[in-house]
């Protein structure tokens, strides 16, 4: 087959030369993420690593990060070497947060048997591992790369956390599929989210890009499956329980229980004539 549409080829060349300039490699970013997570939790490779081995693996991660940063070096305020140094100086703190996350899941989830199971099997824990590393780079004002990292976790888990969100520890995502946490969301300690929860914005106009658009969730809040909480001024007070499938756009005072007041009807199917209102 010979491609003869030169006009289209010119259009492709024009687009790629005009827009696709300084960006990190997606493939290399995925490799960096996998290497870093497995270095922090070598049990994922079913092995134990001595202190010297951990130092070597961390050096490899640093080399990979530096290579990624060199591809966008014109877009960052400091040198790639300075970003790498600042990043790895904060990794120990992020690791302790992740340990706290894993221990909280182990304490409160009756389905978990041990911390090892959480590290190996829980998509929420994996997503948080990637988020906490990407958040450091976001705070160091590294463009694009943190989003590529969290989108990799999104692709693998179905959990979409923007690296700009501020999430304290311990934090527990149970099941997780379909969770969305927006860029300016703030989440306190001992918060638990179930699948399908959205912490989003009421208005998505571009002019609001640098304003707080997403809600604040205070400490010890539980948000059950399918709930949607919207708005930068919306605050869910501490020790509140938000029931499933709720729609919230206003603040909730602490120690509240929020739920939908709907009615479930159960009838005997032998005595129930289904209405003939369907279309094939």
Foldseek 3Di string as FASTA:
>chain_A
DDDDPVVVVVVVVVCCVVPVAQAFDLVLLVVLLVLVLCLLPVCLVPDDDDPVRSVVSLVVSLVSQLVRCVSNQVQADDHSVVLSVQLVVCVVVLSVQLVQQLVLCCVPPPVDDDSSCCSNPPLVSSLSSQLSSLLSVVVSVDPPSSQSSNVVSCVVQQAAERSQEAEGPDEEEHSHHQEHHDNQEYEEYQEYEYYQEYFEFPDDDPVCVPPQGTEYEYAQEYEYHNEYETGRAEYEAHNEYEDHNHYYDHHHHPPYYHDDPDDDDDDDPVPDDDDPPDDD
